[in-house]
Amino acid sequence: MAAVEVILLQRVEKLGQMGEVVRVKPGYARNFLLPQKKALRASKENRERFEAQRAQLEAQNLKRREEAERVAERVGGLSVTIIRQAGESGSLYGSVSGRDVADACAAAGLSIGRQQVVLAHPIKTLGLSQVRVVLHPEVSIPVTVNVARSAEEAERQARGETVGTQTAAEGGEQPETPDLFEEGVLPA
């Protein structure tokens, strides 16, 4: 199927800047760009209408970007803790998704949607992970996600201690085995 030309109404990552005419696959335009008002079909009427409203659209974009930058400065270095059940090896029984991170950020005072959280892959182990939160197409902030089994374990992870498997210092000492053989005598 042939590509469709659209005019971008805002910056779209890995595609282009506001005002550019780009060629995309029809499904991407029909299912994502057009319904979310990120683009217009590149017809002659739409191009004229976009050029007439260009200054207004750029002013709105600049205003939203400045608001996002203020929020980014206010919550820079945000760290959230998520409590989950995990096995002895430190692997979670489920996974932490974008929705879980968005809920934890909302509890910490940053109201965002789950689609604003960018995860390369779901978090499936205990520990600290960096997640990117997109506040505006041109502004994103890093958020540290601390996944732990308990609040005490989260505090230890935040201090930099390795958690996940028991160590001898934590009480996971090996039980003493009785001497089965006499010293100096080899078993037959």
Protein backbone atom coordinates (compact mmCIF):
# COMPACT_ATOMS: atom_id res chain seq x y z
CA MET A 1 0.00 0.00 0.00
CA ALA A 2 1.24 3.50 -0.78
CA ALA A 3 2.46 5.89 1.87
CA VAL A 4 0.26 8.77 3.04
CA GLU A 5 1.47 12.36 3.37
CA VAL A 6 0.61 14.18 6.60
CA ILE A 7 1.44 17.57 8.11
CA LEU A 8 2.78 17.26 11.66
CA LEU A 9 1.01 19.49 14.19
CA GLN A 10 3.66 18.82 16.86
CA ARG A 11 7.05 17.18 17.12
CA VAL A 12 6.82 13.40 16.84
CA GLU A 13 9.83 11.41 18.02
CA LYS A 14 11.72 9.65 15.21
CA LEU A 15 9.45 11.25 12.60
CA GLY A 16 9.81 15.03 12.40
CA GLN A 17 9.16 18.54 13.69
CA MET A 18 6.00 20.65 13.70
CA GLY A 19 4.99 21.79 10.21
CA GLU A 20 6.92 19.17 8.28
CA VAL A 21 5.16 17.14 5.61
CA VAL A 22 6.16 13.50 6.04
CA ARG A 23 5.24 10.22 4.37
CA VAL A 24 4.01 7.48 6.71
CA LYS A 25 2.20 4.18 6.36
CA PRO A 26 -1.59 4.51 6.16
CA GLY A 27 -2.21 2.52 9.37
CA TYR A 28 0.16 4.72 11.40
CA ALA A 29 -1.60 7.85 10.17
CA ARG A 30 -5.12 6.44 10.54
CA ASN A 31 -4.65 4.76 13.94
CA PHE A 32 -2.19 7.02 15.76
CA LEU A 33 -1.33 10.41 14.23
CA LEU A 34 -4.79 11.55 13.11
CA PRO A 35 -6.90 10.42 16.13
CA GLN A 36 -4.44 11.95 18.60
CA LYS A 37 -4.40 15.26 16.67
CA LYS A 38 -0.66 14.99 16.03
CA ALA A 39 -1.08 15.41 12.27
CA LEU A 40 -3.40 16.44 9.42
CA ARG A 41 -3.72 14.84 6.00
CA ALA A 42 -1.58 16.83 3.57
CA SER A 43 -4.32 18.04 1.23
CA LYS A 44 -4.19 21.45 -0.42
CA GLU A 45 -6.95 22.83 1.89
CA ASN A 46 -5.23 21.49 5.03
CA ARG A 47 -1.87 22.95 3.99
CA GLU A 48 -3.46 26.40 3.53
CA ARG A 49 -5.33 26.10 6.84
CA PHE A 50 -2.13 25.02 8.63
CA GLU A 51 -0.14 27.96 7.22
CA ALA A 52 -2.91 30.34 8.34
CA GLN A 53 -2.84 28.91 11.88
CA ARG A 54 0.91 28.24 12.07
CA ALA A 55 1.76 31.20 14.34
CA GLN A 56 -1.05 30.33 16.73
CA LEU A 57 -0.06 26.63 16.85
CA GLU A 58 3.61 27.49 17.46
CA ALA A 59 2.63 29.87 20.29
CA GLN A 60 0.49 27.16 21.93
CA ASN A 61 3.33 24.66 21.54
CA LEU A 62 5.82 27.09 23.09
CA LYS A 63 3.49 27.72 26.05
CA ARG A 64 2.98 23.98 26.70
CA ARG A 65 6.74 23.41 26.40
CA GLU A 66 7.53 26.15 28.96
CA GLU A 67 4.98 24.64 31.39
CA ALA A 68 6.57 21.20 30.92
CA GLU A 69 10.05 22.66 31.54
CA ARG A 70 8.86 24.26 34.80
CA VAL A 71 7.41 20.94 35.94
CA ALA A 72 10.65 19.19 34.95
CA GLU A 73 12.69 21.63 37.06
CA ARG A 74 10.34 21.20 40.02
CA VAL A 75 10.37 17.40 40.05
CA GLY A 76 13.87 16.80 38.70
CA GLY A 77 15.49 13.71 40.17
CA LEU A 78 12.17 12.14 41.15
CA SER A 79 12.47 8.69 42.69
CA VAL A 80 9.51 6.39 43.31
CA THR A 81 9.28 3.11 45.21
CA ILE A 82 7.15 0.19 44.08
CA ILE A 83 6.63 -2.77 46.43
CA ARG A 84 6.24 -6.16 44.72
CA GLN A 85 6.57 -9.83 45.65
CA ALA A 86 9.67 -11.55 44.35
CA GLY A 87 11.49 -14.84 44.55
CA GLU A 88 14.78 -15.51 46.33
CA SER A 89 16.78 -14.75 43.19
CA GLY A 90 15.29 -11.26 42.96
CA SER A 91 13.02 -11.87 39.97
CA LEU A 92 9.49 -10.54 40.31
CA TYR A 93 6.43 -12.79 40.18
CA GLY A 94 4.93 -10.29 37.72
CA SER A 95 6.42 -7.21 36.13
CA VAL A 96 6.31 -3.45 36.61
CA SER A 97 4.62 -1.72 33.68
CA GLY A 98 4.17 1.87 32.58
CA ARG A 99 0.83 2.02 34.39
CA ASP A 100 2.50 1.04 37.71
CA VAL A 101 5.15 3.74 37.26
CA ALA A 102 2.49 6.35 36.40
CA ASP A 103 0.49 5.44 39.52
CA ALA A 104 3.61 5.68 41.71
CA CYS A 105 4.49 9.08 40.17
CA ALA A 106 0.94 10.30 40.84
CA ALA A 107 1.30 9.25 44.48
CA ALA A 108 4.59 11.22 44.60
CA GLY A 109 2.87 14.37 43.27
CA LEU A 110 3.50 14.20 39.50
CA SER A 111 0.26 13.52 37.66
CA ILE A 112 1.06 11.78 34.37
CA GLY A 113 -0.62 9.23 32.14
CA ARG A 114 0.67 5.75 31.48
CA GLN A 115 1.36 6.63 27.83
CA GLN A 116 3.85 9.27 29.01
CA VAL A 117 6.07 6.61 30.63
CA VAL A 118 8.65 5.20 28.19
CA LEU A 119 9.88 1.73 29.16
CA ALA A 120 12.36 -0.07 26.92
CA HIS A 121 11.05 -3.31 28.44
CA PRO A 122 8.97 -4.20 31.51
CA ILE A 123 10.88 -4.25 34.80
CA LYS A 124 11.10 -7.88 35.96
CA THR A 125 13.74 -7.78 38.71
CA LEU A 126 14.27 -6.07 42.04
CA GLY A 127 16.51 -3.02 42.09
CA LEU A 128 16.83 0.51 40.73
CA SER A 129 15.82 1.29 37.14
CA GLN A 130 15.83 4.50 35.12
CA VAL A 131 12.60 5.30 33.27
CA ARG A 132 11.95 8.22 30.93
CA VAL A 133 8.78 10.28 31.41
CA VAL A 134 7.73 12.47 28.48
CA LEU A 135 6.06 15.67 29.73
CA HIS A 136 5.99 17.29 26.27
CA PRO A 137 7.25 16.04 22.88
CA GLU A 138 10.39 18.12 23.46
CA VAL A 139 10.75 17.72 27.26
CA SER A 140 11.37 14.48 29.14
CA ILE A 141 12.70 13.71 32.61
CA PRO A 142 14.40 10.64 34.08
CA VAL A 143 12.63 8.94 36.99
CA THR A 144 14.35 6.40 39.23
CA VAL A 145 12.09 3.43 39.99
CA ASN A 146 13.04 1.46 43.10
CA VAL A 147 11.40 -1.99 43.01
CA ALA A 148 11.64 -3.83 46.34
CA ARG A 149 9.85 -6.41 48.50
CA SER A 150 9.44 -4.05 51.47
CA ALA A 151 10.00 -0.44 52.47
CA GLU A 152 13.12 -1.42 54.47
CA GLU A 153 14.59 -3.20 51.46
CA ALA A 154 13.83 -0.16 49.29
CA GLU A 155 15.74 2.07 51.71
CA ARG A 156 18.75 -0.27 51.59
CA GLN A 157 18.66 -0.30 47.78
CA ALA A 158 18.48 3.50 47.70
CA ARG A 159 21.64 3.64 49.85
CA GLY A 160 23.41 1.45 47.30
CA GLU A 161 23.36 -1.93 49.02
CA THR A 162 22.85 -5.01 46.88
CA VAL A 163 19.61 -6.75 47.74
CA GLY A 164 17.97 -9.83 46.26
CA THR A 165 19.79 -12.84 47.66
CA GLN A 166 20.57 -13.48 51.28
CA THR A 167 24.12 -12.99 52.48
CA ALA A 168 25.87 -14.30 55.55
CA ALA A 169 25.76 -10.87 57.17
CA GLU A 170 21.94 -10.83 56.96
CA GLY A 171 21.46 -14.08 58.81
CA GLY A 172 21.60 -16.44 55.88
CA GLU A 173 24.62 -18.25 57.33
CA GLN A 174 25.31 -21.79 56.24
CA PRO A 175 24.44 -24.35 58.91
CA GLU A 176 27.37 -26.19 60.32
CA THR A 177 27.85 -29.68 58.96
CA PRO A 178 29.06 -32.32 61.39
CA ASP A 179 32.45 -33.86 60.71
CA LEU A 180 31.68 -37.09 58.93
CA PHE A 181 35.28 -38.26 58.67
CA GLU A 182 38.16 -38.38 61.02
CA GLU A 183 41.05 -36.13 60.19
CA GLY A 184 43.87 -37.86 58.35
CA VAL A 185 41.78 -40.92 57.46
CA LEU A 186 40.56 -41.24 53.87
CA PRO A 187 37.18 -42.78 53.22
CA ALA A 188 37.30 -46.29 51.77
